Amino acid sequence: MKAMVMHRYGGPEQLESADHPAPVRGPGEVLIRLKTTSVNPVDWKVGAGHLDAAIPGDFPIIPGWDAAGQVAEADPADTGFTVGDEVFGYLRRPVVKWGTYAQYTVAEPSMIAAKPPTLEWDAAGALPLVGLTALQALDAVGVGTGDTVLVHAAAGGVGSIAVQVALARGAQVIGTASQGHHDHVRTLGAEPVEYGDGLEDRIEAFAPDGIDAALDAAGGQFELSVRAGAEPSRVVSIIDRSVRDDGGRWVFVEPDADGLRALAALTESGQVDVPVSAVYRLDQAAEAWRASRSGHTRGKLVIRVD
């Protein structure tokens, strides 16, 4: 199969386009022929060895955890899926080996769900990790009807989905973003505020009684979020686990088929749209990593595998 392979830790220059053996489906697993995947910052952080202590690599490795494609092999009695089913999912395992930058990958049923017919392949490959992160983070701080929620980095991959999910739950949303991304944040349904000096005053202008909860997808925003009115237990970070020392919440996304089905329903109802900023071929994965590492992208970077 065609795949992007790494033989050692490093940057984009270590990604090689190669003909690689396909993974072998084990008992209770599903073999998926991929159509799309997407780039998340965790991909190149794993590739650089930054998460080796928690999620080691078994070289050669194929990066990537997002998946959208068709079932190529499955035992319906064991998995609930049949050949030809269209699925999407978040395929994180304890060891990095068989990722999704490839024509084929394997998944456990708990990692995938049926792709709605209305969800295009690019969006399906872009949604799982950021969508589940947004869901699990908002769940961690109990976001619901009547809450005023502050989303840091609202124009990014996780932030864009979190804004929409919070709105679907009946919350009002303020989103931090650079000036050039304010129109995008407004399109999502949030009130945009500029980063930098005076941020607290700008937040107060939209929420004079204070915010109820905050999701930090940028890093380093715990104290500001508390000063803006949120109780520490209602501030969640997906970047900095040390917030737990001060009573905050930290989320590292877990595979969750039920969460994927909830996201699918939100896309079908039109409450969640998946912003895609650029599309790459599989052999352009290194270029996509460089774009992601620049920190200036909006929405998701998709890789079309097939």
C-alpha atoms as a PDB file:
ATOM      1  CA  MET A   1       0.000   0.000   0.000  1.00  0.00           C
ATOM      2  CA  LYS A   2       0.990   3.650  -0.350  1.00  0.00           C
ATOM      3  CA  ALA A   3       1.917   5.247   2.959  1.00  0.00           C
ATOM      4  CA  MET A   4       3.907   8.023   4.583  1.00  0.00           C
ATOM      5  CA  VAL A   5       6.499   6.349   6.779  1.00  0.00           C
ATOM      6  CA  MET A   6       9.001   7.516   9.388  1.00  0.00           C
ATOM      7  CA  HIS A   7      12.085   5.426  10.241  1.00  0.00           C
ATOM      8  CA  ARG A   8      13.239   7.691  13.065  1.00  0.00           C
ATOM      9  CA  TYR A   9      11.970  10.622  15.092  1.00  0.00           C
ATOM     10  CA  GLY A  10      12.296  14.039  13.507  1.00  0.00           C
ATOM     11  CA  GLY A  11      10.494  16.735  11.552  1.00  0.00           C
ATOM     12  CA  PRO A  12       8.706  16.774   8.211  1.00  0.00           C
ATOM     13  CA  GLU A  13      11.926  15.799   6.461  1.00  0.00           C
ATOM     14  CA  GLN A  14      11.645  12.324   8.035  1.00  0.00           C
ATOM     15  CA  LEU A  15       8.307  11.609   6.302  1.00  0.00           C
ATOM     16  CA  GLU A  16       8.899   9.311   3.325  1.00  0.00           C
ATOM     17  CA  SER A  17       6.435   8.253   0.656  1.00  0.00           C
ATOM     18  CA  ALA A  18       6.753   4.482   0.361  1.00  0.00           C
ATOM     19  CA  ASP A  19       5.181   1.206  -0.678  1.00  0.00           C
ATOM     20  CA  HIS A  20       4.593  -0.378   2.715  1.00  0.00           C
ATOM     21  CA  PRO A  21       3.013  -3.653   3.843  1.00  0.00           C
ATOM     22  CA  ALA A  22      -0.623  -3.238   4.793  1.00  0.00           C
ATOM     23  CA  PRO A  23      -1.632  -3.904   8.400  1.00  0.00           C
ATOM     24  CA  VAL A  24      -3.222  -7.251   9.193  1.00  0.00           C
ATOM     25  CA  ARG A  25      -6.636  -7.181  10.824  1.00  0.00           C
ATOM     26  CA  GLY A  26      -6.751  -8.956  14.160  1.00  0.00           C
ATOM     27  CA  PRO A  27      -9.749 -10.582  15.885  1.00  0.00           C
ATOM     28  CA  GLY A  28     -12.499  -8.053  16.536  1.00  0.00           C
ATOM     29  CA  GLU A  29     -10.859  -5.420  14.323  1.00  0.00           C
ATOM     30  CA  VAL A  30     -11.907  -3.686  11.123  1.00  0.00           C
ATOM     31  CA  LEU A  31      -9.649  -3.063   8.122  1.00  0.00           C
ATOM     32  CA  ILE A  32     -10.398   0.325   6.561  1.00  0.00           C
ATOM     33  CA  ARG A  33      -9.442   1.577   3.115  1.00  0.00           C
ATOM     34  CA  LEU A  34      -8.900   5.251   3.775  1.00  0.00           C
ATOM     35  CA  LYS A  35     -10.175   8.101   1.668  1.00  0.00           C
ATOM     36  CA  THR A  36      -9.111  11.025   3.875  1.00  0.00           C
ATOM     37  CA  THR A  37      -7.224  11.829   7.040  1.00  0.00           C
ATOM     38  CA  SER A  38      -6.086  15.135   8.514  1.00  0.00           C
ATOM     39  CA  VAL A  39      -3.144  16.802  10.206  1.00  0.00           C
ATOM     40  CA  ASN A  40      -3.273  17.587  13.898  1.00  0.00           C
ATOM     41  CA  PRO A  41      -0.416  19.193  15.857  1.00  0.00           C
ATOM     42  CA  VAL A  42      -0.131  15.981  17.866  1.00  0.00           C
ATOM     43  CA  ASP A  43       0.922  14.182  14.661  1.00  0.00           C
ATOM     44  CA  TRP A  44       4.165  16.111  14.264  1.00  0.00           C
ATOM     45  CA  LYS A  45       4.716  16.198  18.031  1.00  0.00           C
ATOM     46  CA  VAL A  46       4.539  12.398  18.073  1.00  0.00           C
ATOM     47  CA  GLY A  47       6.786  12.313  14.994  1.00  0.00           C
ATOM     48  CA  ALA A  48       9.361  14.431  16.805  1.00  0.00           C
ATOM     49  CA  GLY A  49       9.339  12.069  19.804  1.00  0.00           C
ATOM     50  CA  HIS A  50       7.825  14.622  22.186  1.00  0.00           C
ATOM     51  CA  LEU A  51       5.228  12.112  23.451  1.00  0.00           C
ATOM     52  CA  ASP A  52       7.542   9.097  23.476  1.00  0.00           C
ATOM     53  CA  ALA A  53       7.285   8.611  27.241  1.00  0.00           C
ATOM     54  CA  ALA A  54       3.499   8.217  27.037  1.00  0.00           C
ATOM     55  CA  ILE A  55       2.929   6.979  23.472  1.00  0.00           C
ATOM     56  CA  PRO A  56       6.125   5.398  22.125  1.00  0.00           C
ATOM     57  CA  GLY A  57       6.823   4.716  18.469  1.00  0.00           C
ATOM     58  CA  ASP A  58       7.523   1.225  17.098  1.00  0.00           C
ATOM     59  CA  PHE A  59       9.544   2.011  13.966  1.00  0.00           C
ATOM     60  CA  PRO A  60       8.918   2.187  11.142  1.00  0.00           C
ATOM     61  CA  ILE A  61       5.806   4.167  11.989  1.00  0.00           C
ATOM     62  CA  ILE A  62       2.932   5.602   9.982  1.00  0.00           C
ATOM     63  CA  PRO A  63       1.620   8.796  11.666  1.00  0.00           C
ATOM     64  CA  GLY A  64      -1.975   9.954  11.921  1.00  0.00           C
ATOM     65  CA  TRP A  65      -5.013   9.244  14.101  1.00  0.00           C
ATOM     66  CA  ASP A  66      -7.940  10.682  12.077  1.00  0.00           C
ATOM     67  CA  ALA A  67      -9.618   8.327   9.612  1.00  0.00           C
ATOM     68  CA  ALA A  68     -12.437   8.325   7.067  1.00  0.00           C
ATOM     69  CA  GLY A  69     -12.979   5.536   4.580  1.00  0.00           C
ATOM     70  CA  GLN A  70     -14.743   2.286   3.734  1.00  0.00           C
ATOM     71  CA  VAL A  71     -14.599  -1.016   5.544  1.00  0.00           C
ATOM     72  CA  ALA A  72     -12.467  -3.430   3.498  1.00  0.00           C
ATOM     73  CA  GLU A  73     -12.538  -6.408   5.888  1.00  0.00           C
ATOM     74  CA  ALA A  74     -14.650  -7.114   8.959  1.00  0.00           C
ATOM     75  CA  ASP A  75     -16.526  -9.850  10.758  1.00  0.00           C
ATOM     76  CA  PRO A  76     -20.025  -8.398  11.274  1.00  0.00           C
ATOM     77  CA  ALA A  77     -20.701 -10.709  14.208  1.00  0.00           C
ATOM     78  CA  ASP A  78     -17.647  -9.417  16.081  1.00  0.00           C
ATOM     79  CA  THR A  79     -17.580  -5.782  15.001  1.00  0.00           C
ATOM     80  CA  GLY A  80     -21.048  -4.710  13.868  1.00  0.00           C
ATOM     81  CA  PHE A  81     -19.564  -3.487  10.564  1.00  0.00           C
ATOM     82  CA  THR A  82     -19.696  -5.012   7.087  1.00  0.00           C
ATOM     83  CA  VAL A  83     -17.550  -4.613   3.989  1.00  0.00           C
ATOM     84  CA  GLY A  84     -18.410  -1.376   2.187  1.00  0.00           C
ATOM     85  CA  ASP A  85     -19.634   0.521   5.249  1.00  0.00           C
ATOM     86  CA  GLU A  86     -18.545   4.164   5.257  1.00  0.00           C
ATOM     87  CA  VAL A  87     -16.949   5.050   8.590  1.00  0.00           C
ATOM     88  CA  PHE A  88     -14.932   7.735  10.338  1.00  0.00           C
ATOM     89  CA  GLY A  89     -12.993   7.657  13.566  1.00  0.00           C
ATOM     90  CA  TYR A  90     -10.193   8.563  15.942  1.00  0.00           C
ATOM     91  CA  LEU A  91      -7.696   5.708  15.944  1.00  0.00           C
ATOM     92  CA  ARG A  92      -5.288   6.309  18.811  1.00  0.00           C
ATOM     93  CA  ARG A  93      -3.455   3.316  20.251  1.00  0.00           C
ATOM     94  CA  PRO A  94      -0.958   2.945  23.131  1.00  0.00           C
ATOM     95  CA  VAL A  95       1.913   2.548  20.626  1.00  0.00           C
ATOM     96  CA  VAL A  96       2.371   4.466  17.360  1.00  0.00           C
ATOM     97  CA  LYS A  97       2.774   2.004  14.492  1.00  0.00           C
ATOM     98  CA  TRP A  98      -0.114   1.730  12.034  1.00  0.00           C
ATOM     99  CA  GLY A  99      -1.453   5.265  11.599  1.00  0.00           C
ATOM    100  CA  THR A 100      -3.749   6.812   9.039  1.00  0.00           C
ATOM    101  CA  TYR A 101      -1.325   8.427   6.565  1.00  0.00           C
ATOM    102  CA  ALA A 102      -1.812   5.323   4.433  1.00  0.00           C
ATOM    103  CA  GLN A 103      -4.222   3.545   2.105  1.00  0.00           C
ATOM    104  CA  TYR A 104      -5.197   1.032   4.792  1.00  0.00           C
ATOM    105  CA  THR A 105      -5.428   1.014   8.565  1.00  0.00           C
ATOM    106  CA  VAL A 106      -7.045  -1.120  11.252  1.00  0.00           C
ATOM    107  CA  ALA A 107      -9.461  -0.015  13.939  1.00  0.00           C
ATOM    108  CA  GLU A 108     -11.374  -1.375  16.890  1.00  0.00           C
ATOM    109  CA  PRO A 109     -15.158  -0.836  16.706  1.00  0.00           C
ATOM    110  CA  SER A 110     -14.966   1.472  19.740  1.00  0.00           C
ATOM    111  CA  MET A 111     -12.865   3.882  17.673  1.00  0.00           C
ATOM    112  CA  ILE A 112     -15.202   4.346  14.692  1.00  0.00           C
ATOM    113  CA  ALA A 113     -18.783   5.159  13.735  1.00  0.00           C
ATOM    114  CA  ALA A 114     -20.885   5.254  10.599  1.00  0.00           C
ATOM    115  CA  LYS A 115     -20.198   8.301   8.436  1.00  0.00           C
ATOM    116  CA  PRO A 116     -23.379  10.221   7.693  1.00  0.00           C
ATOM    117  CA  PRO A 117     -24.146  10.378   3.952  1.00  0.00           C
ATOM    118  CA  THR A 118     -24.336  14.167   4.236  1.00  0.00           C
ATOM    119  CA  LEU A 119     -20.811  14.452   5.668  1.00  0.00           C
ATOM    120  CA  GLU A 120     -18.316  14.913   2.835  1.00  0.00           C
ATOM    121  CA  TRP A 121     -15.114  12.880   2.920  1.00  0.00           C
ATOM    122  CA  ASP A 122     -12.834  15.856   3.542  1.00  0.00           C
ATOM    123  CA  ALA A 123     -14.894  16.901   6.546  1.00  0.00           C
ATOM    124  CA  ALA A 124     -15.179  13.322   7.805  1.00  0.00           C
ATOM    125  CA  GLY A 125     -11.403  12.953   7.801  1.00  0.00           C
ATOM    126  CA  ALA A 126     -10.965  16.283   9.566  1.00  0.00           C
ATOM    127  CA  LEU A 127     -13.564  15.934  12.327  1.00  0.00           C
ATOM    128  CA  PRO A 128     -12.779  13.017  14.684  1.00  0.00           C
ATOM    129  CA  LEU A 129      -9.886  14.229  16.867  1.00  0.00           C
ATOM    130  CA  VAL A 130     -10.906  17.877  17.079  1.00  0.00           C
ATOM    131  CA  GLY A 131     -14.578  17.030  17.414  1.00  0.00           C
ATOM    132  CA  LEU A 132     -14.088  14.537  20.224  1.00  0.00           C
ATOM    133  CA  THR A 133     -11.656  16.898  21.955  1.00  0.00           C
ATOM    134  CA  ALA A 134     -14.258  19.663  21.875  1.00  0.00           C
ATOM    135  CA  LEU A 135     -17.017  17.365  23.147  1.00  0.00           C
ATOM    136  CA  GLN A 136     -14.952  15.885  25.967  1.00  0.00           C
ATOM    137  CA  ALA A 137     -13.583  19.262  27.038  1.00  0.00           C
ATOM    138  CA  LEU A 138     -17.011  20.896  27.143  1.00  0.00           C
ATOM    139  CA  ASP A 139     -18.395  17.871  29.010  1.00  0.00           C
ATOM    140  CA  ALA A 140     -15.586  18.184  31.572  1.00  0.00           C
ATOM    141  CA  VAL A 141     -16.808  21.652  32.589  1.00  0.00           C
ATOM    142  CA  GLY A 142     -20.516  20.971  32.129  1.00  0.00           C
ATOM    143  CA  VAL A 143     -21.280  23.513  29.407  1.00  0.00           C
ATOM    144  CA  GLY A 144     -25.009  23.850  28.840  1.00  0.00           C
ATOM    145  CA  THR A 145     -27.962  26.161  28.318  1.00  0.00           C
ATOM    146  CA  GLY A 146     -27.470  29.702  29.560  1.00  0.00           C
ATOM    147  CA  ASP A 147     -23.711  29.498  30.059  1.00  0.00           C
ATOM    148  CA  THR A 148     -21.361  32.154  28.728  1.00  0.00           C
ATOM    149  CA  VAL A 149     -18.304  30.293  27.490  1.00  0.00           C
ATOM    150  CA  LEU A 150     -14.887  31.660  26.574  1.00  0.00           C
ATOM    151  CA  VAL A 151     -13.064  29.630  23.903  1.00  0.00           C
ATOM    152  CA  HIS A 152      -9.382  30.467  23.518  1.00  0.00           C
ATOM    153  CA  ALA A 153      -8.051  29.944  19.952  1.00  0.00           C
ATOM    154  CA  ALA A 154     -11.582  29.870  18.588  1.00  0.00           C
ATOM    155  CA  ALA A 155     -10.455  29.849  14.942  1.00  0.00           C
ATOM    156  CA  GLY A 156      -8.299  26.723  15.313  1.00  0.00           C
ATOM    157  CA  GLY A 157      -9.273  23.130  14.691  1.00  0.00           C
ATOM    158  CA  VAL A 158     -10.591  22.338  18.177  1.00  0.00           C
ATOM    159  CA  GLY A 159     -11.809  25.871  18.847  1.00  0.00           C
ATOM    160  CA  SER A 160     -13.912  26.016  15.668  1.00  0.00           C
ATOM    161  CA  ILE A 161     -15.808  22.868  16.663  1.00  0.00           C
ATOM    162  CA  ALA A 162     -16.033  23.792  20.357  1.00  0.00           C
ATOM    163  CA  VAL A 163     -17.713  27.095  19.503  1.00  0.00           C
ATOM    164  CA  GLN A 164     -20.385  25.309  17.469  1.00  0.00           C
ATOM    165  CA  VAL A 165     -20.969  22.520  19.990  1.00  0.00           C
ATOM    166  CA  ALA A 166     -21.321  25.031  22.833  1.00  0.00           C
ATOM    167  CA  LEU A 167     -23.835  27.027  20.798  1.00  0.00           C
ATOM    168  CA  ALA A 168     -25.766  23.833  20.001  1.00  0.00           C
ATOM    169  CA  ARG A 169     -26.007  23.247  23.755  1.00  0.00           C
ATOM    170  CA  GLY A 170     -27.589  26.649  24.287  1.00  0.00           C
ATOM    171  CA  ALA A 171     -24.536  28.586  25.459  1.00  0.00           C
ATOM    172  CA  GLN A 172     -23.295  32.005  24.400  1.00  0.00           C
ATOM    173  CA  VAL A 173     -19.687  32.012  23.194  1.00  0.00           C
ATOM    174  CA  ILE A 174     -16.831  34.514  23.204  1.00  0.00           C
ATOM    175  CA  GLY A 175     -13.856  33.421  21.136  1.00  0.00           C
ATOM    176  CA  THR A 176     -10.300  34.748  21.207  1.00  0.00           C
ATOM    177  CA  ALA A 177      -8.638  35.035  17.799  1.00  0.00           C
ATOM    178  CA  SER A 178      -6.287  37.254  15.855  1.00  0.00           C
ATOM    179  CA  GLN A 179      -7.931  40.137  14.014  1.00  0.00           C
ATOM    180  CA  GLY A 180      -7.675  38.400  10.660  1.00  0.00           C
ATOM    181  CA  HIS A 181      -9.793  35.506  11.901  1.00  0.00           C
ATOM    182  CA  HIS A 182     -12.603  37.555  13.447  1.00  0.00           C
ATOM    183  CA  ASP A 183     -14.966  37.217  10.499  1.00  0.00           C
ATOM    184  CA  HIS A 184     -14.506  33.451  10.615  1.00  0.00           C
ATOM    185  CA  VAL A 185     -15.279  33.365  14.347  1.00  0.00           C
ATOM    186  CA  ARG A 186     -18.405  35.465  13.769  1.00  0.00           C
ATOM    187  CA  THR A 187     -19.475  33.042  11.029  1.00  0.00           C
ATOM    188  CA  LEU A 188     -19.224  30.226  13.570  1.00  0.00           C
ATOM    189  CA  GLY A 189     -21.587  32.183  15.850  1.00  0.00           C
ATOM    190  CA  ALA A 190     -19.216  33.522  18.516  1.00  0.00           C
ATOM    191  CA  GLU A 191     -18.268  37.045  19.520  1.00  0.00           C
ATOM    192  CA  PRO A 192     -14.583  37.480  18.574  1.00  0.00           C
ATOM    193  CA  VAL A 193     -12.085  39.253  20.821  1.00  0.00           C
ATOM    194  CA  GLU A 194      -8.486  40.136  20.005  1.00  0.00           C
ATOM    195  CA  TYR A 195      -5.531  38.558  21.787  1.00  0.00           C
ATOM    196  CA  GLY A 196      -3.068  40.741  23.687  1.00  0.00           C
ATOM    197  CA  ASP A 197      -3.145  43.698  26.048  1.00  0.00           C
ATOM    198  CA  GLY A 198      -6.636  44.672  27.117  1.00  0.00           C
ATOM    199  CA  LEU A 199      -8.112  41.196  26.515  1.00  0.00           C
ATOM    200  CA  GLU A 200      -9.825  41.109  29.909  1.00  0.00           C
ATOM    201  CA  ASP A 201     -11.554  44.423  29.206  1.00  0.00           C
ATOM    202  CA  ARG A 202     -12.725  43.167  25.817  1.00  0.00           C
ATOM    203  CA  ILE A 203     -14.133  40.008  27.395  1.00  0.00           C
ATOM    204  CA  GLU A 204     -15.893  42.076  30.072  1.00  0.00           C
ATOM    205  CA  ALA A 205     -17.540  44.191  27.376  1.00  0.00           C
ATOM    206  CA  PHE A 206     -19.334  41.079  26.102  1.00  0.00           C
ATOM    207  CA  ALA A 207     -19.799  39.450  29.509  1.00  0.00           C
ATOM    208  CA  PRO A 208     -20.170  42.191  32.158  1.00  0.00           C
ATOM    209  CA  ASP A 209     -21.347  39.636  34.725  1.00  0.00           C
ATOM    210  CA  GLY A 210     -18.397  37.353  33.986  1.00  0.00           C
ATOM    211  CA  ILE A 211     -18.027  34.122  32.050  1.00  0.00           C
ATOM    212  CA  ASP A 212     -19.245  30.762  33.348  1.00  0.00           C
ATOM    213  CA  ALA A 213     -16.717  28.433  31.738  1.00  0.00           C
ATOM    214  CA  ALA A 214     -13.650  28.456  29.507  1.00  0.00           C
ATOM    215  CA  LEU A 215     -11.860  26.105  27.135  1.00  0.00           C
ATOM    216  CA  ASP A 216      -8.174  26.850  26.632  1.00  0.00           C
ATOM    217  CA  ALA A 217      -7.021  25.503  23.266  1.00  0.00           C
ATOM    218  CA  ALA A 218      -4.103  27.951  23.132  1.00  0.00           C
ATOM    219  CA  GLY A 219      -2.246  27.301  26.388  1.00  0.00           C
ATOM    220  CA  GLY A 220      -1.447  29.553  29.329  1.00  0.00           C
ATOM    221  CA  GLN A 221      -4.945  31.029  29.689  1.00  0.00           C
ATOM    222  CA  PHE A 222      -6.068  29.499  32.984  1.00  0.00           C
ATOM    223  CA  GLU A 223      -5.496  32.492  35.257  1.00  0.00           C
ATOM    224  CA  LEU A 224      -7.038  34.942  32.800  1.00  0.00           C
ATOM    225  CA  SER A 225     -10.116  32.717  32.481  1.00  0.00           C
ATOM    226  CA  VAL A 226     -10.539  32.657  36.265  1.00  0.00           C
ATOM    227  CA  ARG A 227     -10.148  36.428  36.469  1.00  0.00           C
ATOM    228  CA  ALA A 228     -12.827  36.686  33.771  1.00  0.00           C
ATOM    229  CA  GLY A 229     -15.277  35.000  36.145  1.00  0.00           C
ATOM    230  CA  ALA A 230     -15.061  31.235  35.718  1.00  0.00           C
ATOM    231  CA  GLU A 231     -14.621  28.984  38.723  1.00  0.00           C
ATOM    232  CA  PRO A 232     -11.333  27.030  38.446  1.00  0.00           C
ATOM    233  CA  SER A 233     -13.263  23.755  38.130  1.00  0.00           C
ATOM    234  CA  ARG A 234     -14.993  25.160  35.045  1.00  0.00           C
ATOM    235  CA  VAL A 235     -11.799  25.979  33.162  1.00  0.00           C
ATOM    236  CA  VAL A 236     -10.506  23.161  30.943  1.00  0.00           C
ATOM    237  CA  SER A 237      -7.228  23.055  29.058  1.00  0.00           C
ATOM    238  CA  ILE A 238      -6.270  20.700  26.256  1.00  0.00           C
ATOM    239  CA  ILE A 239      -2.683  22.013  26.334  1.00  0.00           C
ATOM    240  CA  ASP A 240      -1.483  22.347  29.925  1.00  0.00           C
ATOM    241  CA  ARG A 241      -2.103  19.535  32.393  1.00  0.00           C
ATOM    242  CA  SER A 242      -0.682  21.638  35.240  1.00  0.00           C
ATOM    243  CA  VAL A 243      -4.022  23.476  35.510  1.00  0.00           C
ATOM    244  CA  ARG A 244      -5.150  20.529  37.641  1.00  0.00           C
ATOM    245  CA  ASP A 245      -2.830  21.769  40.388  1.00  0.00           C
ATOM    246  CA  ASP A 246      -5.025  24.872  40.717  1.00  0.00           C
ATOM    247  CA  GLY A 247      -8.386  23.112  40.456  1.00  0.00           C
ATOM    248  CA  GLY A 248      -8.763  23.251  36.681  1.00  0.00           C
ATOM    249  CA  ARG A 249      -9.528  20.409  34.294  1.00  0.00           C
ATOM    250  CA  TRP A 250      -7.255  18.861  31.671  1.00  0.00           C
ATOM    251  CA  VAL A 251      -8.433  16.718  28.754  1.00  0.00           C
ATOM    252  CA  PHE A 252      -6.420  14.433  26.488  1.00  0.00           C
ATOM    253  CA  VAL A 253      -8.943  13.120  24.013  1.00  0.00           C
ATOM    254  CA  GLU A 254      -9.951   9.446  24.106  1.00  0.00           C
ATOM    255  CA  PRO A 255     -11.473   7.348  21.307  1.00  0.00           C
ATOM    256  CA  ASP A 256     -15.252   7.265  21.726  1.00  0.00           C
ATOM    257  CA  ALA A 257     -17.719   5.804  19.251  1.00  0.00           C
ATOM    258  CA  ASP A 258     -20.696   7.350  21.073  1.00  0.00           C
ATOM    259  CA  GLY A 259     -19.058  10.762  20.805  1.00  0.00           C
ATOM    260  CA  LEU A 260     -18.523  10.238  17.088  1.00  0.00           C
ATOM    261  CA  ARG A 261     -22.197   9.413  16.676  1.00  0.00           C
ATOM    262  CA  ALA A 262     -23.100  12.592  18.569  1.00  0.00           C
ATOM    263  CA  LEU A 263     -20.861  14.615  16.249  1.00  0.00           C
ATOM    264  CA  ALA A 264     -22.419  12.919  13.232  1.00  0.00           C
ATOM    265  CA  ALA A 265     -25.873  13.966  14.436  1.00  0.00           C
ATOM    266  CA  LEU A 266     -24.711  17.556  14.914  1.00  0.00           C
ATOM    267  CA  THR A 267     -23.351  17.692  11.367  1.00  0.00           C
ATOM    268  CA  GLU A 268     -26.554  16.191   9.964  1.00  0.00           C
ATOM    269  CA  SER A 269     -28.668  18.781  11.784  1.00  0.00           C
ATOM    270  CA  GLY A 270     -26.492  21.589  10.433  1.00  0.00           C
ATOM    271  CA  GLN A 271     -25.340  22.660  13.899  1.00  0.00           C
ATOM    272  CA  VAL A 272     -21.698  21.750  13.265  1.00  0.00           C
ATOM    273  CA  ASP A 273     -19.743  22.505  10.113  1.00  0.00           C
ATOM    274  CA  VAL A 274     -16.135  21.363   9.727  1.00  0.00           C
ATOM    275  CA  PRO A 275     -13.889  24.199   8.496  1.00  0.00           C
ATOM    276  CA  VAL A 276     -11.245  22.904   6.069  1.00  0.00           C
ATOM    277  CA  SER A 277      -8.520  25.394   5.201  1.00  0.00           C
ATOM    278  CA  ALA A 278      -6.405  23.323   2.791  1.00  0.00           C
ATOM    279  CA  VAL A 279      -6.275  19.914   1.125  1.00  0.00           C
ATOM    280  CA  TYR A 280      -3.109  17.924   0.346  1.00  0.00           C
ATOM    281  CA  ARG A 281      -2.251  14.691  -1.439  1.00  0.00           C
ATOM    282  CA  LEU A 282      -0.828  11.868   0.649  1.00  0.00           C
ATOM    283  CA  ASP A 283       2.666  12.465  -0.724  1.00  0.00           C
ATOM    284  CA  GLN A 284       2.392  16.118   0.361  1.00  0.00           C
ATOM    285  CA  ALA A 285       2.097  15.240   4.055  1.00  0.00           C
ATOM    286  CA  ALA A 286       5.425  16.901   4.880  1.00  0.00           C
ATOM    287  CA  GLU A 287       4.181  20.147   3.333  1.00  0.00           C
ATOM    288  CA  ALA A 288       1.003  19.868   5.423  1.00  0.00           C
ATOM    289  CA  TRP A 289       3.093  19.396   8.577  1.00  0.00           C
ATOM    290  CA  ARG A 290       5.076  22.530   7.814  1.00  0.00           C
ATOM    291  CA  ALA A 291       1.844  24.480   7.393  1.00  0.00           C
ATOM    292  CA  SER A 292       0.508  23.130  10.679  1.00  0.00           C
ATOM    293  CA  ARG A 293       3.727  23.932  12.541  1.00  0.00           C
ATOM    294  CA  SER A 294       3.552  27.543  11.344  1.00  0.00           C
ATOM    295  CA  GLY A 295       0.664  28.112  13.769  1.00  0.00           C
ATOM    296  CA  HIS A 296      -1.177  30.338  11.284  1.00  0.00           C
ATOM    297  CA  THR A 297      -3.735  27.909   9.871  1.00  0.00           C
ATOM    298  CA  ARG A 298      -7.488  28.258  10.358  1.00  0.00           C
ATOM    299  CA  GLY A 299      -9.624  25.150  10.621  1.00  0.00           C
ATOM    300  CA  LYS A 300      -8.239  21.810   9.446  1.00  0.00           C
ATOM    301  CA  LEU A 301      -5.624  20.568   6.980  1.00  0.00           C
ATOM    302  CA  VAL A 302      -6.934  17.513   5.125  1.00  0.00           C
ATOM    303  CA  ILE A 303      -4.924  14.786   3.394  1.00  0.00           C
ATOM    304  CA  ARG A 304      -6.693  12.932   0.587  1.00  0.00           C
ATOM    305  CA  VAL A 305      -5.440   9.361   0.554  1.00  0.00           C
ATOM    306  CA  ASP A 306      -7.594   7.908  -2.224  1.00  0.00           C
END
